[in-house]
Amino acid sequence: MTTPKAQATRDRILEAASRLFYQYGFHATGLDKILLESGVTKGNFYYHFKSKEALALATLDWQFETIANGVSRLRATHVSALDTLLAILDFFTQTIANQKKSGGIFGCYFGNFTLELSNENPAVRTRLREIFSRYHETFRDLLQQAVSAGELPALYDPEQLAAVTLSLLEGAIVVDKAHQEPKEVYRAVAFMKAYLKPG
């Protein structure tokens, strides 16, 4: 059983590593930098993580769970599936806007790892595939519920629309990262909201 102190140490490592991986990338972030940022010793690090790769996998899970918890809160505070989905789309624009305010657009955490590591690391690729599948399932389920409730036309294909939505958002994030301007995500979200709830 993990003690509160040990959990706090693990969380500090995850928080520091996530921030550094986000900003600089996996390969450009050395273990010494993570130790310095988190304020833990090398012995403490290896108590919690077998390797830097194991840490990377843990940060992916940690980041996704944070997002999943946010989605759960949105579901609890919005009456309809469509309103929940629209709120999730707003989350993407808020995230990009917050990144810009913090000094730079770093993109999507999972997209960054996909571009940097998916070709060379099967474990990371598998985890990323699972994460994007869960994103897709969330969109699909909400769209299916919206169709069933009559909020969207019955001719809408939730499976296809979920895939298009995810691809559109991820592509827009990459373009905004290249330009360091929060523009294409806004356009993508505005397009999807107009498509899902015209007028």
N, C-alpha and C. Protein backbone atom coordinates (compact mmCIF):
# COMPACT_ATOMS: atom_id res chain seq x y z
N MET A 1 0.85 -1.20 0.00
CA MET A 1 0.00 0.00 0.00
C MET A 1 0.88 1.25 0.00
N THR A 2 0.56 2.19 -0.90
CA THR A 2 1.34 3.40 -1.02
C THR A 2 1.00 4.38 0.10
N THR A 3 2.01 4.89 0.78
CA THR A 3 1.78 5.86 1.84
C THR A 3 1.50 7.23 1.23
N PRO A 4 0.85 8.13 1.97
CA PRO A 4 0.60 9.48 1.45
C PRO A 4 1.89 10.19 1.04
N LYS A 5 2.96 9.97 1.81
CA LYS A 5 4.24 10.61 1.48
C LYS A 5 4.78 10.09 0.16
N ALA A 6 4.72 8.77 -0.03
CA ALA A 6 5.21 8.16 -1.26
C ALA A 6 4.36 8.62 -2.45
N GLN A 7 3.06 8.72 -2.25
CA GLN A 7 2.18 9.17 -3.33
C GLN A 7 2.47 10.62 -3.71
N ALA A 8 2.75 11.44 -2.69
CA ALA A 8 3.08 12.84 -2.95
C ALA A 8 4.37 12.96 -3.76
N THR A 9 5.35 12.10 -3.43
CA THR A 9 6.61 12.10 -4.17
C THR A 9 6.38 11.69 -5.62
N ARG A 10 5.59 10.63 -5.80
CA ARG A 10 5.28 10.15 -7.16
C ARG A 10 4.57 11.23 -7.96
N ASP A 11 3.63 11.91 -7.33
CA ASP A 11 2.90 12.98 -8.02
C ASP A 11 3.81 14.13 -8.40
N ARG A 12 4.77 14.45 -7.55
CA ARG A 12 5.72 15.53 -7.89
C ARG A 12 6.54 15.16 -9.11
N ILE A 13 6.95 13.90 -9.19
CA ILE A 13 7.72 13.45 -10.35
C ILE A 13 6.86 13.52 -11.61
N LEU A 14 5.63 13.05 -11.51
CA LEU A 14 4.73 13.06 -12.66
C LEU A 14 4.44 14.48 -13.12
N GLU A 15 4.21 15.37 -12.17
CA GLU A 15 3.90 16.75 -12.53
C GLU A 15 5.08 17.42 -13.21
N ALA A 16 6.28 17.24 -12.65
CA ALA A 16 7.47 17.85 -13.23
C ALA A 16 7.78 17.26 -14.60
N ALA A 17 7.71 15.94 -14.71
CA ALA A 17 8.01 15.28 -15.97
C ALA A 17 7.00 15.68 -17.05
N SER A 18 5.73 15.73 -16.69
CA SER A 18 4.69 16.12 -17.65
C SER A 18 4.95 17.52 -18.19
N ARG A 19 5.27 18.43 -17.29
CA ARG A 19 5.52 19.81 -17.70
C ARG A 19 6.72 19.90 -18.63
N LEU A 20 7.78 19.18 -18.30
CA LEU A 20 9.01 19.23 -19.11
C LEU A 20 8.84 18.50 -20.44
N PHE A 21 8.20 17.34 -20.42
CA PHE A 21 7.94 16.63 -21.68
C PHE A 21 7.07 17.47 -22.60
N TYR A 22 6.08 18.13 -22.01
CA TYR A 22 5.18 18.98 -22.78
C TYR A 22 5.94 20.11 -23.46
N GLN A 23 6.82 20.74 -22.70
CA GLN A 23 7.49 21.92 -23.21
C GLN A 23 8.67 21.61 -24.12
N TYR A 24 9.45 20.57 -23.75
CA TYR A 24 10.70 20.30 -24.48
C TYR A 24 10.69 19.00 -25.27
N GLY A 25 9.78 18.09 -24.95
CA GLY A 25 9.79 16.80 -25.61
C GLY A 25 10.47 15.75 -24.74
N PHE A 26 10.23 14.49 -25.08
CA PHE A 26 10.77 13.38 -24.29
C PHE A 26 12.29 13.28 -24.39
N HIS A 27 12.81 13.25 -25.60
CA HIS A 27 14.25 13.04 -25.78
C HIS A 27 15.08 14.21 -25.25
N ALA A 28 14.54 15.41 -25.35
CA ALA A 28 15.29 16.60 -24.94
C ALA A 28 15.25 16.82 -23.43
N THR A 29 14.46 16.02 -22.73
CA THR A 29 14.35 16.16 -21.28
C THR A 29 15.13 15.06 -20.59
N GLY A 30 16.23 15.43 -19.97
CA GLY A 30 17.05 14.45 -19.28
C GLY A 30 16.51 14.13 -17.89
N LEU A 31 16.90 12.98 -17.39
CA LEU A 31 16.45 12.57 -16.06
C LEU A 31 16.91 13.54 -14.98
N ASP A 32 18.12 14.07 -15.10
CA ASP A 32 18.62 15.02 -14.10
C ASP A 32 17.72 16.25 -14.01
N LYS A 33 17.21 16.70 -15.15
CA LYS A 33 16.32 17.86 -15.17
C LYS A 33 15.02 17.55 -14.44
N ILE A 34 14.51 16.34 -14.64
CA ILE A 34 13.28 15.93 -13.97
C ILE A 34 13.49 15.86 -12.46
N LEU A 35 14.64 15.31 -12.05
CA LEU A 35 14.95 15.22 -10.63
C LEU A 35 15.07 16.60 -10.00
N LEU A 36 15.71 17.50 -10.72
CA LEU A 36 15.87 18.86 -10.21
C LEU A 36 14.52 19.56 -10.06
N GLU A 37 13.69 19.43 -11.08
CA GLU A 37 12.38 20.09 -11.07
C GLU A 37 11.46 19.51 -10.00
N SER A 38 11.54 18.21 -9.80
CA SER A 38 10.63 17.56 -8.84
C SER A 38 11.17 17.59 -7.42
N GLY A 39 12.48 17.82 -7.29
CA GLY A 39 13.09 17.87 -5.96
C GLY A 39 13.22 16.52 -5.30
N VAL A 40 13.38 15.46 -6.10
CA VAL A 40 13.55 14.12 -5.53
C VAL A 40 14.92 13.57 -5.90
N THR A 41 15.35 12.57 -5.16
CA THR A 41 16.64 11.93 -5.42
C THR A 41 16.48 10.86 -6.49
N LYS A 42 17.61 10.42 -7.04
CA LYS A 42 17.56 9.36 -8.04
C LYS A 42 17.02 8.07 -7.44
N GLY A 43 17.37 7.83 -6.19
CA GLY A 43 16.86 6.63 -5.52
C GLY A 43 15.34 6.66 -5.39
N ASN A 44 14.79 7.83 -5.04
CA ASN A 44 13.35 7.98 -4.96
C ASN A 44 12.70 7.77 -6.32
N PHE A 45 13.36 8.30 -7.35
CA PHE A 45 12.81 8.14 -8.70
C PHE A 45 12.68 6.67 -9.05
N TYR A 46 13.76 5.91 -8.86
CA TYR A 46 13.75 4.50 -9.27
C TYR A 46 12.91 3.63 -8.33
N TYR A 47 12.54 4.16 -7.20
CA TYR A 47 11.59 3.45 -6.34
C TYR A 47 10.21 3.44 -7.00
N HIS A 48 9.90 4.55 -7.69
CA HIS A 48 8.58 4.70 -8.30
C HIS A 48 8.54 4.28 -9.77
N PHE A 49 9.64 4.44 -10.49
CA PHE A 49 9.64 4.18 -11.92
C PHE A 49 10.90 3.40 -12.31
N LYS A 50 10.73 2.35 -13.08
CA LYS A 50 11.87 1.52 -13.48
C LYS A 50 12.79 2.23 -14.45
N SER A 51 12.23 3.13 -15.23
CA SER A 51 12.99 3.78 -16.29
C SER A 51 12.29 5.06 -16.71
N LYS A 52 12.98 5.81 -17.57
CA LYS A 52 12.37 7.02 -18.13
C LYS A 52 11.19 6.65 -19.02
N GLU A 53 11.27 5.52 -19.69
CA GLU A 53 10.14 5.07 -20.52
C GLU A 53 8.92 4.75 -19.65
N ALA A 54 9.16 4.09 -18.52
CA ALA A 54 8.06 3.80 -17.60
C ALA A 54 7.43 5.09 -17.10
N LEU A 55 8.26 6.10 -16.86
CA LEU A 55 7.75 7.40 -16.44
C LEU A 55 6.89 8.02 -17.55
N ALA A 56 7.36 7.92 -18.79
CA ALA A 56 6.60 8.47 -19.92
C ALA A 56 5.21 7.84 -19.99
N LEU A 57 5.15 6.52 -19.85
CA LEU A 57 3.87 5.82 -19.88
C LEU A 57 2.97 6.28 -18.73
N ALA A 58 3.57 6.48 -17.57
CA ALA A 58 2.80 6.92 -16.41
C ALA A 58 2.27 8.34 -16.61
N THR A 59 3.06 9.20 -17.25
CA THR A 59 2.57 10.57 -17.49
C THR A 59 1.41 10.56 -18.48
N LEU A 60 1.45 9.66 -19.45
CA LEU A 60 0.34 9.56 -20.40
C LEU A 60 -0.94 9.19 -19.66
N ASP A 61 -0.84 8.20 -18.78
CA ASP A 61 -2.01 7.80 -17.99
C ASP A 61 -2.47 8.93 -17.09
N TRP A 62 -1.53 9.59 -16.46
CA TRP A 62 -1.83 10.68 -15.51
C TRP A 62 -2.53 11.83 -16.22
N GLN A 63 -2.00 12.20 -17.39
CA GLN A 63 -2.61 13.28 -18.16
C GLN A 63 -4.02 12.89 -18.61
N PHE A 64 -4.18 11.65 -19.06
CA PHE A 64 -5.50 11.25 -19.55
C PHE A 64 -6.51 11.17 -18.41
N GLU A 65 -6.10 10.69 -17.26
CA GLU A 65 -7.02 10.61 -16.14
C GLU A 65 -7.48 12.00 -15.70
N THR A 66 -6.57 12.97 -15.79
CA THR A 66 -6.94 14.35 -15.47
C THR A 66 -8.04 14.84 -16.41
N ILE A 67 -7.86 14.54 -17.70
CA ILE A 67 -8.86 14.94 -18.69
C ILE A 67 -10.16 14.17 -18.49
N ALA A 68 -10.05 12.86 -18.23
CA ALA A 68 -11.24 12.04 -18.02
C ALA A 68 -12.05 12.54 -16.83
N ASN A 69 -11.37 12.96 -15.77
CA ASN A 69 -12.06 13.50 -14.61
C ASN A 69 -12.78 14.80 -14.96
N GLY A 70 -12.14 15.61 -15.81
CA GLY A 70 -12.78 16.84 -16.26
C GLY A 70 -14.02 16.56 -17.08
N VAL A 71 -13.94 15.56 -17.95
CA VAL A 71 -15.10 15.17 -18.76
C VAL A 71 -16.23 14.67 -17.86
N SER A 72 -15.88 13.91 -16.84
CA SER A 72 -16.90 13.41 -15.90
C SER A 72 -17.62 14.57 -15.21
N ARG A 73 -16.86 15.61 -14.86
CA ARG A 73 -17.47 16.78 -14.22
C ARG A 73 -18.40 17.50 -15.21
N LEU A 74 -17.99 17.56 -16.47
CA LEU A 74 -18.84 18.19 -17.48
C LEU A 74 -20.13 17.40 -17.66
N ARG A 75 -20.02 16.08 -17.66
CA ARG A 75 -21.22 15.24 -17.81
C ARG A 75 -22.18 15.46 -16.64
N ALA A 76 -21.60 15.67 -15.47
CA ALA A 76 -22.43 15.84 -14.27
C ALA A 76 -23.13 17.20 -14.23
N THR A 77 -22.56 18.19 -14.94
CA THR A 77 -23.11 19.55 -14.86
C THR A 77 -23.91 19.95 -16.09
N HIS A 78 -23.98 19.08 -17.11
CA HIS A 78 -24.75 19.39 -18.31
C HIS A 78 -25.87 18.36 -18.48
N VAL A 79 -27.05 18.87 -18.76
CA VAL A 79 -28.23 17.99 -18.83
C VAL A 79 -28.18 17.08 -20.03
N SER A 80 -27.83 17.61 -21.18
CA SER A 80 -27.90 16.82 -22.41
C SER A 80 -26.53 16.37 -22.89
N ALA A 81 -26.54 15.30 -23.68
CA ALA A 81 -25.30 14.78 -24.26
C ALA A 81 -24.69 15.80 -25.21
N LEU A 82 -25.53 16.48 -25.99
CA LEU A 82 -25.02 17.46 -26.94
C LEU A 82 -24.36 18.63 -26.23
N ASP A 83 -24.98 19.12 -25.16
CA ASP A 83 -24.37 20.23 -24.41
C ASP A 83 -23.05 19.81 -23.78
N THR A 84 -22.97 18.55 -23.34
CA THR A 84 -21.71 18.04 -22.80
C THR A 84 -20.63 18.04 -23.87
N LEU A 85 -20.98 17.58 -25.06
CA LEU A 85 -20.02 17.55 -26.16
C LEU A 85 -19.57 18.95 -26.54
N LEU A 86 -20.49 19.88 -26.60
CA LEU A 86 -20.13 21.27 -26.92
C LEU A 86 -19.20 21.85 -25.85
N ALA A 87 -19.43 21.48 -24.60
CA ALA A 87 -18.55 21.95 -23.51
C ALA A 87 -17.15 21.34 -23.65
N ILE A 88 -17.07 20.10 -24.10
CA ILE A 88 -15.77 19.47 -24.33
C ILE A 88 -15.03 20.20 -25.45
N LEU A 89 -15.75 20.58 -26.50
CA LEU A 89 -15.13 21.35 -27.58
C LEU A 89 -14.60 22.68 -27.06
N ASP A 90 -15.37 23.32 -26.18
CA ASP A 90 -14.90 24.57 -25.58
C ASP A 90 -13.63 24.35 -24.76
N PHE A 91 -13.52 23.17 -24.16
CA PHE A 91 -12.32 22.85 -23.38
C PHE A 91 -11.07 22.92 -24.26
N PHE A 92 -11.18 22.49 -25.51
CA PHE A 92 -10.03 22.53 -26.42
C PHE A 92 -9.61 23.97 -26.68
N THR A 93 -10.56 24.87 -26.91
CA THR A 93 -10.19 26.26 -27.16
C THR A 93 -9.62 26.90 -25.90
N GLN A 94 -10.17 26.57 -24.75
CA GLN A 94 -9.66 27.12 -23.50
C GLN A 94 -8.23 26.66 -23.24
N THR A 95 -7.96 25.39 -23.56
CA THR A 95 -6.62 24.84 -23.36
C THR A 95 -5.60 25.57 -24.21
N ILE A 96 -5.92 25.77 -25.48
CA ILE A 96 -5.00 26.47 -26.38
C ILE A 96 -4.82 27.93 -25.95
N ALA A 97 -5.91 28.56 -25.54
CA ALA A 97 -5.82 29.95 -25.07
C ALA A 97 -4.94 30.06 -23.83
N ASN A 98 -5.08 29.11 -22.91
CA ASN A 98 -4.26 29.11 -21.69
C ASN A 98 -2.79 28.87 -22.02
N GLN A 99 -2.53 27.99 -22.99
CA GLN A 99 -1.14 27.76 -23.39
C GLN A 99 -0.53 29.04 -23.95
N LYS A 100 -1.28 29.74 -24.78
CA LYS A 100 -0.78 30.99 -25.36
C LYS A 100 -0.46 32.00 -24.27
N LYS A 101 -1.33 32.10 -23.28
CA LYS A 101 -1.11 33.04 -22.18
C LYS A 101 0.12 32.66 -21.36
N SER A 102 0.41 31.36 -21.29
CA SER A 102 1.54 30.90 -20.48
C SER A 102 2.88 31.06 -21.19
N GLY A 103 2.85 31.49 -22.44
CA GLY A 103 4.10 31.77 -23.14
C GLY A 103 4.39 30.93 -24.35
N GLY A 104 3.55 29.98 -24.67
CA GLY A 104 3.80 29.17 -25.86
C GLY A 104 2.75 28.09 -26.03
N ILE A 105 2.43 27.79 -27.29
CA ILE A 105 1.49 26.72 -27.59
C ILE A 105 2.27 25.42 -27.74
N PHE A 106 2.07 24.52 -26.80
CA PHE A 106 2.83 23.27 -26.77
C PHE A 106 2.11 22.13 -27.46
N GLY A 107 0.87 22.34 -27.85
CA GLY A 107 0.13 21.32 -28.57
C GLY A 107 -0.62 20.37 -27.67
N CYS A 108 -0.91 19.19 -28.21
CA CYS A 108 -1.59 18.13 -27.47
C CYS A 108 -0.54 17.20 -26.87
N TYR A 109 -0.64 16.92 -25.60
CA TYR A 109 0.35 16.06 -24.94
C TYR A 109 0.47 14.72 -25.67
N PHE A 110 -0.68 14.14 -26.02
CA PHE A 110 -0.68 12.83 -26.66
C PHE A 110 -0.23 12.92 -28.11
N GLY A 111 -0.61 14.00 -28.77
CA GLY A 111 -0.14 14.21 -30.14
C GLY A 111 1.36 14.38 -30.20
N ASN A 112 1.93 15.10 -29.22
CA ASN A 112 3.37 15.30 -29.19
C ASN A 112 4.11 13.97 -29.04
N PHE A 113 3.62 13.13 -28.14
CA PHE A 113 4.25 11.82 -27.95
C PHE A 113 4.08 10.95 -29.19
N THR A 114 2.94 11.07 -29.85
CA THR A 114 2.72 10.31 -31.08
C THR A 114 3.77 10.66 -32.12
N LEU A 115 4.00 11.95 -32.32
CA LEU A 115 4.95 12.40 -33.32
C LEU A 115 6.39 12.03 -32.95
N GLU A 116 6.70 12.06 -31.65
CA GLU A 116 8.08 11.83 -31.24
C GLU A 116 8.44 10.37 -31.02
N LEU A 117 7.51 9.58 -30.51
CA LEU A 117 7.89 8.24 -30.04
C LEU A 117 7.13 7.07 -30.66
N SER A 118 6.02 7.31 -31.33
CA SER A 118 5.19 6.17 -31.74
C SER A 118 5.88 5.24 -32.72
N ASN A 119 6.79 5.77 -33.54
CA ASN A 119 7.48 4.91 -34.51
C ASN A 119 8.60 4.08 -33.88
N GLU A 120 9.11 4.52 -32.74
CA GLU A 120 10.27 3.85 -32.16
C GLU A 120 9.98 3.09 -30.88
N ASN A 121 8.82 3.32 -30.29
CA ASN A 121 8.54 2.69 -29.00
C ASN A 121 7.17 2.02 -29.03
N PRO A 122 7.12 0.70 -29.18
CA PRO A 122 5.84 -0.01 -29.26
C PRO A 122 4.95 0.17 -28.03
N ALA A 123 5.56 0.21 -26.85
CA ALA A 123 4.76 0.36 -25.62
C ALA A 123 4.05 1.71 -25.59
N VAL A 124 4.77 2.76 -25.96
CA VAL A 124 4.17 4.09 -26.00
C VAL A 124 3.11 4.15 -27.09
N ARG A 125 3.40 3.55 -28.24
CA ARG A 125 2.43 3.55 -29.34
C ARG A 125 1.13 2.85 -28.92
N THR A 126 1.26 1.74 -28.23
CA THR A 126 0.07 1.02 -27.77
C THR A 126 -0.74 1.85 -26.80
N ARG A 127 -0.06 2.52 -25.87
CA ARG A 127 -0.76 3.34 -24.89
C ARG A 127 -1.46 4.52 -25.57
N LEU A 128 -0.80 5.13 -26.53
CA LEU A 128 -1.40 6.25 -27.25
C LEU A 128 -2.62 5.79 -28.05
N ARG A 129 -2.52 4.62 -28.64
CA ARG A 129 -3.65 4.09 -29.39
C ARG A 129 -4.85 3.89 -28.46
N GLU A 130 -4.59 3.40 -27.25
CA GLU A 130 -5.66 3.21 -26.28
C GLU A 130 -6.29 4.55 -25.87
N ILE A 131 -5.44 5.55 -25.68
CA ILE A 131 -5.92 6.86 -25.26
C ILE A 131 -6.77 7.50 -26.35
N PHE A 132 -6.29 7.47 -27.59
CA PHE A 132 -7.08 8.06 -28.67
C PHE A 132 -8.37 7.28 -28.91
N SER A 133 -8.34 5.97 -28.66
CA SER A 133 -9.56 5.17 -28.77
C SER A 133 -10.58 5.60 -27.72
N ARG A 134 -10.10 5.92 -26.53
CA ARG A 134 -11.01 6.37 -25.47
C ARG A 134 -11.57 7.76 -25.78
N TYR A 135 -10.76 8.63 -26.38
CA TYR A 135 -11.26 9.91 -26.85
C TYR A 135 -12.40 9.67 -27.86
N HIS A 136 -12.11 8.80 -28.83
CA HIS A 136 -13.09 8.49 -29.87
C HIS A 136 -14.38 7.93 -29.26
N GLU A 137 -14.24 7.03 -28.31
CA GLU A 137 -15.41 6.43 -27.68
C GLU A 137 -16.25 7.47 -26.93
N THR A 138 -15.57 8.41 -26.28
CA THR A 138 -16.30 9.46 -25.57
C THR A 138 -17.13 10.29 -26.54
N PHE A 139 -16.50 10.72 -27.65
CA PHE A 139 -17.23 11.48 -28.66
C PHE A 139 -18.37 10.65 -29.25
N ARG A 140 -18.07 9.41 -29.59
CA ARG A 140 -19.09 8.55 -30.21
C ARG A 140 -20.28 8.33 -29.30
N ASP A 141 -20.01 8.04 -28.03
CA ASP A 141 -21.10 7.77 -27.09
C ASP A 141 -21.98 8.99 -26.90
N LEU A 142 -21.36 10.17 -26.78
CA LEU A 142 -22.14 11.39 -26.62
C LEU A 142 -22.96 11.69 -27.87
N LEU A 143 -22.36 11.47 -29.03
CA LEU A 143 -23.08 11.69 -30.29
C LEU A 143 -24.24 10.71 -30.42
N GLN A 144 -24.01 9.45 -30.05
CA GLN A 144 -25.07 8.45 -30.12
C GLN A 144 -26.23 8.81 -29.18
N GLN A 145 -25.89 9.27 -27.98
CA GLN A 145 -26.92 9.69 -27.04
C GLN A 145 -27.69 10.89 -27.58
N ALA A 146 -26.98 11.81 -28.23
CA ALA A 146 -27.63 13.00 -28.79
C ALA A 146 -28.57 12.61 -29.93
N VAL A 147 -28.16 11.66 -30.75
CA VAL A 147 -29.02 11.18 -31.84
C VAL A 147 -30.25 10.49 -31.25
N SER A 148 -30.02 9.64 -30.26
CA SER A 148 -31.13 8.90 -29.64
C SER A 148 -32.14 9.84 -28.97
N ALA A 149 -31.62 10.96 -28.44
CA ALA A 149 -32.49 11.92 -27.75
C ALA A 149 -33.15 12.90 -28.71
N GLY A 150 -32.82 12.79 -30.00
CA GLY A 150 -33.40 13.70 -30.98
C GLY A 150 -32.72 15.05 -31.04
N GLU A 151 -31.57 15.17 -30.39
CA GLU A 151 -30.83 16.43 -30.44
C GLU A 151 -30.08 16.60 -31.76
N LEU A 152 -29.79 15.49 -32.40
CA LEU A 152 -29.11 15.48 -33.70
C LEU A 152 -29.94 14.65 -34.67
N PRO A 153 -29.83 14.93 -35.97
CA PRO A 153 -30.58 14.16 -36.96
C PRO A 153 -30.21 12.68 -36.92
N ALA A 154 -31.18 11.82 -37.16
CA ALA A 154 -30.96 10.37 -37.13
C ALA A 154 -29.98 9.92 -38.20
N LEU A 155 -29.83 10.72 -39.26
CA LEU A 155 -28.91 10.33 -40.34
C LEU A 155 -27.44 10.51 -39.96
N TYR A 156 -27.17 11.20 -38.87
CA TYR A 156 -25.79 11.37 -38.43
C TYR A 156 -25.22 10.03 -37.98
N ASP A 157 -24.01 9.74 -38.41
CA ASP A 157 -23.32 8.50 -38.04
C ASP A 157 -22.36 8.82 -36.89
N PRO A 158 -22.69 8.45 -35.65
CA PRO A 158 -21.85 8.80 -34.50
C PRO A 158 -20.42 8.29 -34.62
N GLU A 159 -20.24 7.09 -35.16
CA GLU A 159 -18.90 6.51 -35.29
C GLU A 159 -18.04 7.35 -36.23
N GLN A 160 -18.59 7.67 -37.38
CA GLN A 160 -17.86 8.45 -38.36
C GLN A 160 -17.62 9.88 -37.88
N LEU A 161 -18.65 10.48 -37.31
CA LEU A 161 -18.54 11.86 -36.86
C LEU A 161 -17.55 12.00 -35.70
N ALA A 162 -17.49 10.99 -34.84
CA ALA A 162 -16.51 11.00 -33.75
C ALA A 162 -15.09 10.98 -34.30
N ALA A 163 -14.86 10.15 -35.31
CA ALA A 163 -13.53 10.06 -35.92
C ALA A 163 -13.14 11.37 -36.58
N VAL A 164 -14.08 11.98 -37.29
CA VAL A 164 -13.81 13.25 -37.96
C VAL A 164 -13.53 14.35 -36.94
N THR A 165 -14.30 14.38 -35.87
CA THR A 165 -14.13 15.40 -34.84
C THR A 165 -12.75 15.31 -34.21
N LEU A 166 -12.35 14.10 -33.84
CA LEU A 166 -11.04 13.90 -33.21
C LEU A 166 -9.92 14.29 -34.17
N SER A 167 -10.02 13.85 -35.42
CA SER A 167 -8.97 14.15 -36.40
C SER A 167 -8.89 15.65 -36.68
N LEU A 168 -10.04 16.30 -36.76
CA LEU A 168 -10.07 17.73 -37.03
C LEU A 168 -9.41 18.52 -35.89
N LEU A 169 -9.73 18.16 -34.66
CA LEU A 169 -9.17 18.86 -33.51
C LEU A 169 -7.67 18.63 -33.40
N GLU A 170 -7.24 17.38 -33.54
CA GLU A 170 -5.81 17.09 -33.42
C GLU A 170 -5.00 17.78 -34.52
N GLY A 171 -5.54 17.79 -35.73
CA GLY A 171 -4.85 18.48 -36.82
C GLY A 171 -4.75 19.97 -36.58
N ALA A 172 -5.83 20.55 -36.08
CA ALA A 172 -5.84 21.99 -35.80
C ALA A 172 -4.82 22.34 -34.72
N ILE A 173 -4.70 21.48 -33.73
CA ILE A 173 -3.74 21.73 -32.65
C ILE A 173 -2.31 21.72 -33.19
N VAL A 174 -2.01 20.78 -34.08
CA VAL A 174 -0.67 20.71 -34.68
C VAL A 174 -0.36 21.98 -35.46
N VAL A 175 -1.32 22.46 -36.24
CA VAL A 175 -1.11 23.67 -37.03
C VAL A 175 -0.91 24.88 -36.12
N ASP A 176 -1.71 24.97 -35.06
CA ASP A 176 -1.54 26.09 -34.12
C ASP A 176 -0.18 26.04 -33.44
N LYS A 177 0.29 24.84 -33.15
CA LYS A 177 1.62 24.71 -32.53
C LYS A 177 2.70 25.20 -33.50
N ALA A 178 2.54 24.88 -34.77
CA ALA A 178 3.53 25.31 -35.78
C ALA A 178 3.56 26.83 -35.90
N HIS A 179 2.40 27.46 -35.84
CA HIS A 179 2.32 28.91 -36.00
C HIS A 179 2.43 29.66 -34.68
N GLN A 180 2.31 28.92 -33.56
CA GLN A 180 2.29 29.54 -32.24
C GLN A 180 1.21 30.61 -32.13
N GLU A 181 0.07 30.29 -32.74
CA GLU A 181 -1.10 31.16 -32.65
C GLU A 181 -2.35 30.30 -32.48
N PRO A 182 -3.23 30.65 -31.54
CA PRO A 182 -4.45 29.88 -31.31
C PRO A 182 -5.54 30.26 -32.30
N LYS A 183 -5.42 29.76 -33.52
CA LYS A 183 -6.33 30.16 -34.58
C LYS A 183 -7.13 28.99 -35.14
N GLU A 184 -6.44 27.93 -35.54
CA GLU A 184 -7.12 26.83 -36.21
C GLU A 184 -8.01 26.01 -35.28
N VAL A 185 -7.63 25.91 -34.02
CA VAL A 185 -8.50 25.20 -33.06
C VAL A 185 -9.81 25.96 -32.90
N TYR A 186 -9.73 27.29 -32.84
CA TYR A 186 -10.95 28.09 -32.76
C TYR A 186 -11.84 27.84 -33.97
N ARG A 187 -11.21 27.80 -35.15
CA ARG A 187 -11.97 27.57 -36.37
C ARG A 187 -12.59 26.17 -36.37
N ALA A 188 -11.82 25.19 -35.96
CA ALA A 188 -12.31 23.82 -35.95
C ALA A 188 -13.49 23.67 -35.00
N VAL A 189 -13.37 24.25 -33.82
CA VAL A 189 -14.44 24.16 -32.83
C VAL A 189 -15.67 24.91 -33.31
N ALA A 190 -15.48 26.10 -33.90
CA ALA A 190 -16.61 26.87 -34.41
C ALA A 190 -17.33 26.09 -35.51
N PHE A 191 -16.55 25.43 -36.36
CA PHE A 191 -17.14 24.63 -37.44
C PHE A 191 -17.96 23.48 -36.88
N MET A 192 -17.41 22.76 -35.90
CA MET A 192 -18.11 21.61 -35.34
C MET A 192 -19.37 22.05 -34.58
N LYS A 193 -19.27 23.17 -33.86
CA LYS A 193 -20.45 23.64 -33.12
C LYS A 193 -21.56 24.07 -34.07
N ALA A 194 -21.18 24.71 -35.18
CA ALA A 194 -22.18 25.11 -36.16
C ALA A 194 -22.81 23.90 -36.83
N TYR A 195 -22.02 22.86 -37.04
CA TYR A 195 -22.52 21.63 -37.66
C TYR A 195 -23.46 20.88 -36.71
N LEU A 196 -23.06 20.84 -35.43
CA LEU A 196 -23.84 20.08 -34.45
C LEU A 196 -25.07 20.83 -33.96
N LYS A 197 -24.96 22.16 -33.91
CA LYS A 197 -26.08 22.96 -33.38
C LYS A 197 -26.24 24.23 -34.22
N PRO A 198 -26.69 24.09 -35.46
CA PRO A 198 -26.82 25.26 -36.34
C PRO A 198 -27.83 26.25 -35.80
N GLY A 199 -27.54 27.51 -36.07
CA GLY A 199 -28.46 28.56 -35.61
C GLY A 199 -28.25 28.88 -34.18
